[in-house]
Amino acid sequence: TRKRAIVPFHKKDLPTGTLLEILRQAGIRRDEL
């Protein structure tokens, strides 16, 4: 699909909740990583 997700640029690790929300917006499941 042609979905878009905003991915913030951080110098540190992303919080788990932020990563999961990015994946959700992109239509990607955790088990697909």
PDB file of N, CA and C in Angstrom:
ATOM      1  N   THR A   1       0.838  -1.191   0.000  1.00  0.00           N
ATOM      2  CA  THR A   1       0.000   0.000   0.000  1.00  0.00           C
ATOM      3  C   THR A   1       0.876   1.245   0.000  1.00  0.00           C
ATOM      4  N   ARG A   2       0.276   2.370  -0.207  1.00  0.00           N
ATOM      5  CA  ARG A   2       1.010   3.633  -0.263  1.00  0.00           C
ATOM      6  C   ARG A   2       0.777   4.440   1.009  1.00  0.00           C
ATOM      7  N   LYS A   3       0.755   3.785   2.163  1.00  0.00           N
ATOM      8  CA  LYS A   3       0.539   4.475   3.431  1.00  0.00           C
ATOM      9  C   LYS A   3       1.811   5.196   3.846  1.00  0.00           C
ATOM     10  N   ARG A   4       1.625   6.242   4.636  1.00  0.00           N
ATOM     11  CA  ARG A   4       2.751   7.001   5.163  1.00  0.00           C
ATOM     12  C   ARG A   4       2.685   7.013   6.679  1.00  0.00           C
ATOM     13  N   ALA A   5       3.847   7.038   7.286  1.00  0.00           N
ATOM     14  CA  ALA A   5       3.942   7.179   8.733  1.00  0.00           C
ATOM     15  C   ALA A   5       5.062   8.166   9.022  1.00  0.00           C
ATOM     16  N   ILE A   6       4.836   9.018   9.993  1.00  0.00           N
ATOM     17  CA  ILE A   6       5.855   9.983  10.395  1.00  0.00           C
ATOM     18  C   ILE A   6       6.796   9.284  11.364  1.00  0.00           C
ATOM     19  N   VAL A   7       8.085   9.322  11.048  1.00  0.00           N
ATOM     20  CA  VAL A   7       9.093   8.699  11.907  1.00  0.00           C
ATOM     21  C   VAL A   7       9.985   9.801  12.451  1.00  0.00           C
ATOM     22  N   PRO A   8       9.918  10.048  13.772  1.00  0.00           N
ATOM     23  CA  PRO A   8      10.738  11.108  14.349  1.00  0.00           C
ATOM     24  C   PRO A   8      12.215  10.717  14.349  1.00  0.00           C
ATOM     25  N   PHE A   9      13.077  11.700  14.218  1.00  0.00           N
ATOM     26  CA  PHE A   9      14.516  11.472  14.276  1.00  0.00           C
ATOM     27  C   PHE A   9      14.979  11.742  15.700  1.00  0.00           C
ATOM     28  N   HIS A  10      15.526  10.728  16.337  1.00  0.00           N
ATOM     29  CA  HIS A  10      16.014  10.853  17.711  1.00  0.00           C
ATOM     30  C   HIS A  10      17.453  10.364  17.771  1.00  0.00           C
ATOM     31  N   LYS A  11      18.215  10.961  18.646  1.00  0.00           N
ATOM     32  CA  LYS A  11      19.579  10.487  18.867  1.00  0.00           C
ATOM     33  C   LYS A  11      19.580   9.282  19.797  1.00  0.00           C
ATOM     34  N   LYS A  12      18.514   9.138  20.567  1.00  0.00           N
ATOM     35  CA  LYS A  12      18.410   8.030  21.517  1.00  0.00           C
ATOM     36  C   LYS A  12      17.419   7.003  20.975  1.00  0.00           C
ATOM     37  N   ASP A  13      17.290   5.891  21.695  1.00  0.00           N
ATOM     38  CA  ASP A  13      16.318   4.867  21.312  1.00  0.00           C
ATOM     39  C   ASP A  13      14.905   5.419  21.413  1.00  0.00           C
ATOM     40  N   LEU A  14      14.040   4.966  20.515  1.00  0.00           N
ATOM     41  CA  LEU A  14      12.629   5.359  20.570  1.00  0.00           C
ATOM     42  C   LEU A  14      11.944   4.618  21.710  1.00  0.00           C
ATOM     43  N   PRO A  15      11.050   5.284  22.423  1.00  0.00           N
ATOM     44  CA  PRO A  15      10.248   4.572  23.411  1.00  0.00           C
ATOM     45  C   PRO A  15       9.410   3.497  22.712  1.00  0.00           C
ATOM     46  N   THR A  16       9.154   2.412  23.404  1.00  0.00           N
ATOM     47  CA  THR A  16       8.406   1.295  22.823  1.00  0.00           C
ATOM     48  C   THR A  16       7.062   1.742  22.281  1.00  0.00           C
ATOM     49  N   GLY A  17       6.345   2.568  23.026  1.00  0.00           N
ATOM     50  CA  GLY A  17       5.034   3.026  22.586  1.00  0.00           C
ATOM     51  C   GLY A  17       5.100   3.818  21.289  1.00  0.00           C
ATOM     52  N   THR A  18       6.134   4.634  21.140  1.00  0.00           N
ATOM     53  CA  THR A  18       6.305   5.418  19.917  1.00  0.00           C
ATOM     54  C   THR A  18       6.567   4.498  18.732  1.00  0.00           C
ATOM     55  N   LEU A  19       7.438   3.519  18.928  1.00  0.00           N
ATOM     56  CA  LEU A  19       7.736   2.565  17.858  1.00  0.00           C
ATOM     57  C   LEU A  19       6.496   1.781  17.459  1.00  0.00           C
ATOM     58  N   LEU A  20       5.736   1.323  18.433  1.00  0.00           N
ATOM     59  CA  LEU A  20       4.530   0.550  18.132  1.00  0.00           C
ATOM     60  C   LEU A  20       3.497   1.397  17.394  1.00  0.00           C
ATOM     61  N   GLU A  21       3.398   2.668  17.725  1.00  0.00           N
ATOM     62  CA  GLU A  21       2.462   3.556  17.033  1.00  0.00           C
ATOM     63  C   GLU A  21       2.903   3.790  15.585  1.00  0.00           C
ATOM     64  N   ILE A  22       4.196   3.942  15.362  1.00  0.00           N
ATOM     65  CA  ILE A  22       4.713   4.084  13.998  1.00  0.00           C
ATOM     66  C   ILE A  22       4.386   2.829  13.198  1.00  0.00           C
ATOM     67  N   LEU A  23       4.608   1.670  13.785  1.00  0.00           N
ATOM     68  CA  LEU A  23       4.297   0.411  13.101  1.00  0.00           C
ATOM     69  C   LEU A  23       2.810   0.307  12.807  1.00  0.00           C
ATOM     70  N   ARG A  24       1.975   0.714  13.776  1.00  0.00           N
ATOM     71  CA  ARG A  24       0.526   0.637  13.589  1.00  0.00           C
ATOM     72  C   ARG A  24       0.095   1.528  12.428  1.00  0.00           C
ATOM     73  N   GLN A  25       0.629   2.750  12.386  1.00  0.00           N
ATOM     74  CA  GLN A  25       0.284   3.676  11.311  1.00  0.00           C
ATOM     75  C   GLN A  25       0.737   3.152   9.952  1.00  0.00           C
ATOM     76  N   ALA A  26       1.840   2.426   9.934  1.00  0.00           N
ATOM     77  CA  ALA A  26       2.368   1.893   8.678  1.00  0.00           C
ATOM     78  C   ALA A  26       1.705   0.576   8.291  1.00  0.00           C
ATOM     79  N   GLY A  27       0.869   0.044   9.183  1.00  0.00           N
ATOM     80  CA  GLY A  27       0.198  -1.217   8.883  1.00  0.00           C
ATOM     81  C   GLY A  27       1.104  -2.422   9.030  1.00  0.00           C
ATOM     82  N   ILE A  28       2.109  -2.314   9.904  1.00  0.00           N
ATOM     83  CA  ILE A  28       3.063  -3.404  10.123  1.00  0.00           C
ATOM     84  C   ILE A  28       2.831  -3.987  11.515  1.00  0.00           C
ATOM     85  N   ARG A  29       2.762  -5.315  11.572  1.00  0.00           N
ATOM     86  CA  ARG A  29       2.596  -5.984  12.863  1.00  0.00           C
ATOM     87  C   ARG A  29       3.968  -6.230  13.488  1.00  0.00           C
ATOM     88  N   ARG A  30       3.991  -6.346  14.830  1.00  0.00           N
ATOM     89  CA  ARG A  30       5.252  -6.582  15.536  1.00  0.00           C
ATOM     90  C   ARG A  30       5.956  -7.832  15.036  1.00  0.00           C
ATOM     91  N   ASP A  31       5.183  -8.874  14.760  1.00  0.00           N
ATOM     92  CA  ASP A  31       5.796 -10.143  14.349  1.00  0.00           C
ATOM     93  C   ASP A  31       6.358 -10.093  12.929  1.00  0.00           C
ATOM     94  N   GLU A  32       6.107  -9.012  12.198  1.00  0.00           N
ATOM     95  CA  GLU A  32       6.645  -8.863  10.850  1.00  0.00           C
ATOM     96  C   GLU A  32       8.041  -8.232  10.846  1.00  0.00           C
ATOM     97  N   LEU A  33       8.502  -7.774  11.991  1.00  0.00           N
ATOM     98  CA  LEU A  33       9.831  -7.148  12.044  1.00  0.00           C
ATOM     99  C   LEU A  33      10.926  -8.178  11.988  1.00  0.00           C
TER     100      LEU A  33
END
